[in-house]
Amino acid sequence: MAGVIGIYGLIIAVILGGNIPSPTVGTGENIYSIYTGMAHLCAGLCCGLSGLAAGGCIGIIGDYGVRSVGYRSSNISVIFSNDKSGFEDGGEEGSSGDENK
């Protein structure tokens, strides 16, 4: 997913790079206006900051997912182990404890 966001940035860079005109040859006058420059800056910032936010979210969600799977698997190993110390009566979960007496 993070690679797709990087590709979006590359696409924006190619589009914006193609829209920047070169200065006139004889006079050296720049025809790239401040308005166009600010529009390109804002487009790049929008793409970059959204990629940064998405990367942060991917990291947070991934960390949460790994921790929850690890917690769940550790609980499953406790339930299916031979150690019955997690139960009050020492028997199965649904037993009343009278069968052991």
C-alpha atoms as a PDB file:
ATOM      1  CA  MET A   1       0.000   0.000   0.000  1.00  0.00           C
ATOM      2  CA  ALA A   2       2.819   2.386   0.773  1.00  0.00           C
ATOM      3  CA  GLY A   3       4.306   1.703  -2.658  1.00  0.00           C
ATOM      4  CA  VAL A   4       1.077   2.851  -4.306  1.00  0.00           C
ATOM      5  CA  ILE A   5       1.232   6.133  -2.429  1.00  0.00           C
ATOM      6  CA  GLY A   6       4.818   6.602  -3.625  1.00  0.00           C
ATOM      7  CA  ILE A   7       3.700   6.007  -7.202  1.00  0.00           C
ATOM      8  CA  TYR A   8       1.059   8.730  -6.759  1.00  0.00           C
ATOM      9  CA  GLY A   9       3.826  11.129  -5.782  1.00  0.00           C
ATOM     10  CA  LEU A  10       5.846  10.169  -8.840  1.00  0.00           C
ATOM     11  CA  ILE A  11       2.840  10.745 -11.100  1.00  0.00           C
ATOM     12  CA  ILE A  12       2.241  14.179  -9.583  1.00  0.00           C
ATOM     13  CA  ALA A  13       5.914  15.056 -10.050  1.00  0.00           C
ATOM     14  CA  VAL A  14       5.838  14.064 -13.721  1.00  0.00           C
ATOM     15  CA  ILE A  15       2.629  15.999 -14.373  1.00  0.00           C
ATOM     16  CA  LEU A  16       3.883  19.113 -12.603  1.00  0.00           C
ATOM     17  CA  GLY A  17       7.307  18.879 -14.217  1.00  0.00           C
ATOM     18  CA  GLY A  18       5.730  18.787 -17.631  1.00  0.00           C
ATOM     19  CA  ASN A  19       3.709  21.921 -16.889  1.00  0.00           C
ATOM     20  CA  ILE A  20       6.699  24.128 -16.032  1.00  0.00           C
ATOM     21  CA  PRO A  21       7.556  26.229 -19.080  1.00  0.00           C
ATOM     22  CA  SER A  22      11.142  27.075 -19.925  1.00  0.00           C
ATOM     23  CA  PRO A  23      12.153  30.764 -20.089  1.00  0.00           C
ATOM     24  CA  THR A  24      12.131  32.567 -23.424  1.00  0.00           C
ATOM     25  CA  VAL A  25      15.365  32.122 -25.322  1.00  0.00           C
ATOM     26  CA  GLY A  26      16.252  35.663 -26.319  1.00  0.00           C
ATOM     27  CA  THR A  27      15.287  37.660 -23.245  1.00  0.00           C
ATOM     28  CA  GLY A  28      15.579  35.065 -20.493  1.00  0.00           C
ATOM     29  CA  GLU A  29      12.218  36.256 -19.188  1.00  0.00           C
ATOM     30  CA  ASN A  30      10.543  33.765 -16.931  1.00  0.00           C
ATOM     31  CA  ILE A  31       6.916  33.079 -17.824  1.00  0.00           C
ATOM     32  CA  TYR A  32       6.357  30.771 -14.827  1.00  0.00           C
ATOM     33  CA  SER A  33       4.053  32.890 -12.673  1.00  0.00           C
ATOM     34  CA  ILE A  34       3.945  32.966  -8.901  1.00  0.00           C
ATOM     35  CA  TYR A  35       0.347  31.767  -9.045  1.00  0.00           C
ATOM     36  CA  THR A  36       1.337  28.675 -11.031  1.00  0.00           C
ATOM     37  CA  GLY A  37       4.306  28.072  -8.747  1.00  0.00           C
ATOM     38  CA  MET A  38       2.115  28.223  -5.639  1.00  0.00           C
ATOM     39  CA  ALA A  39      -0.444  25.930  -7.268  1.00  0.00           C
ATOM     40  CA  HIS A  40       2.293  23.396  -8.002  1.00  0.00           C
ATOM     41  CA  LEU A  41       3.676  23.763  -4.470  1.00  0.00           C
ATOM     42  CA  CYS A  42       0.255  23.128  -2.955  1.00  0.00           C
ATOM     43  CA  ALA A  43      -0.317  20.117  -5.209  1.00  0.00           C
ATOM     44  CA  GLY A  44       3.003  18.635  -4.140  1.00  0.00           C
ATOM     45  CA  LEU A  45       2.350  19.342  -0.470  1.00  0.00           C
ATOM     46  CA  CYS A  46      -1.118  17.778  -0.652  1.00  0.00           C
ATOM     47  CA  CYS A  47       0.287  14.640  -2.221  1.00  0.00           C
ATOM     48  CA  GLY A  48       3.261  14.457   0.149  1.00  0.00           C
ATOM     49  CA  LEU A  49       1.392  15.174   3.361  1.00  0.00           C
ATOM     50  CA  SER A  50      -1.405  12.759   2.509  1.00  0.00           C
ATOM     51  CA  GLY A  51       1.267  10.125   1.843  1.00  0.00           C
ATOM     52  CA  LEU A  52       2.866  10.915   5.190  1.00  0.00           C
ATOM     53  CA  ALA A  53      -0.462  10.642   7.011  1.00  0.00           C
ATOM     54  CA  ALA A  54      -1.335   7.404   5.212  1.00  0.00           C
ATOM     55  CA  GLY A  55       2.074   5.938   6.066  1.00  0.00           C
ATOM     56  CA  GLY A  56       1.584   6.824   9.716  1.00  0.00           C
ATOM     57  CA  CYS A  57      -1.846   5.226   9.724  1.00  0.00           C
ATOM     58  CA  ILE A  58      -0.520   2.110   8.036  1.00  0.00           C
ATOM     59  CA  GLY A  59       2.182   1.879  10.718  1.00  0.00           C
ATOM     60  CA  ILE A  60      -0.249   2.361  13.603  1.00  0.00           C
ATOM     61  CA  ILE A  61      -2.785  -0.107  12.215  1.00  0.00           C
ATOM     62  CA  GLY A  62      -0.048  -2.646  11.442  1.00  0.00           C
ATOM     63  CA  ASP A  63       1.367  -2.363  14.944  1.00  0.00           C
ATOM     64  CA  TYR A  64      -2.077  -2.802  16.472  1.00  0.00           C
ATOM     65  CA  GLY A  65      -2.775  -5.811  14.253  1.00  0.00           C
ATOM     66  CA  VAL A  66       0.483  -7.526  15.134  1.00  0.00           C
ATOM     67  CA  ARG A  67      -0.046  -6.932  18.840  1.00  0.00           C
ATOM     68  CA  SER A  68      -3.637  -8.199  18.773  1.00  0.00           C
ATOM     69  CA  VAL A  69      -2.714 -11.362  16.880  1.00  0.00           C
ATOM     70  CA  GLY A  70       0.134 -11.999  19.308  1.00  0.00           C
ATOM     71  CA  TYR A  71      -2.147 -11.439  22.290  1.00  0.00           C
ATOM     72  CA  ARG A  72      -4.827 -13.689  20.841  1.00  0.00           C
ATOM     73  CA  SER A  73      -2.386 -16.493  20.076  1.00  0.00           C
ATOM     74  CA  SER A  74      -0.904 -16.288  23.567  1.00  0.00           C
ATOM     75  CA  ASN A  75      -4.393 -16.617  25.064  1.00  0.00           C
ATOM     76  CA  ILE A  76      -5.203 -19.568  22.825  1.00  0.00           C
ATOM     77  CA  SER A  77      -2.020 -21.330  23.901  1.00  0.00           C
ATOM     78  CA  VAL A  78      -3.002 -20.843  27.556  1.00  0.00           C
ATOM     79  CA  ILE A  79      -6.506 -22.232  26.989  1.00  0.00           C
ATOM     80  CA  PHE A  80      -5.364 -25.317  25.082  1.00  0.00           C
ATOM     81  CA  SER A  81      -2.374 -26.112  27.274  1.00  0.00           C
ATOM     82  CA  ASN A  82      -2.401 -28.837  29.929  1.00  0.00           C
ATOM     83  CA  ASP A  83      -2.081 -26.273  32.689  1.00  0.00           C
ATOM     84  CA  LYS A  84      -5.552 -25.858  34.194  1.00  0.00           C
ATOM     85  CA  SER A  85      -4.543 -23.181  36.693  1.00  0.00           C
ATOM     86  CA  GLY A  86      -6.583 -20.616  34.781  1.00  0.00           C
ATOM     87  CA  PHE A  87      -9.852 -22.290  35.867  1.00  0.00           C
ATOM     88  CA  GLU A  88     -11.324 -21.942  39.336  1.00  0.00           C
ATOM     89  CA  ASP A  89     -12.380 -25.525  39.974  1.00  0.00           C
ATOM     90  CA  GLY A  90      -9.489 -27.165  38.156  1.00  0.00           C
ATOM     91  CA  GLY A  91     -11.797 -28.948  35.705  1.00  0.00           C
ATOM     92  CA  GLU A  92     -13.368 -28.062  32.431  1.00  0.00           C
ATOM     93  CA  GLU A  93     -15.000 -24.703  31.921  1.00  0.00           C
ATOM     94  CA  GLY A  94     -18.574 -26.013  32.012  1.00  0.00           C
ATOM     95  CA  SER A  95     -18.170 -28.462  34.909  1.00  0.00           C
ATOM     96  CA  SER A  96     -19.515 -27.742  38.364  1.00  0.00           C
ATOM     97  CA  GLY A  97     -16.666 -29.497  40.163  1.00  0.00           C
ATOM     98  CA  ASP A  98     -18.900 -32.256  41.622  1.00  0.00           C
ATOM     99  CA  GLU A  99     -17.535 -34.938  39.292  1.00  0.00           C
ATOM    100  CA  ASN A 100     -14.115 -34.733  40.934  1.00  0.00           C
ATOM    101  CA  LYS A 101     -15.450 -35.587  44.421  1.00  0.00           C
END
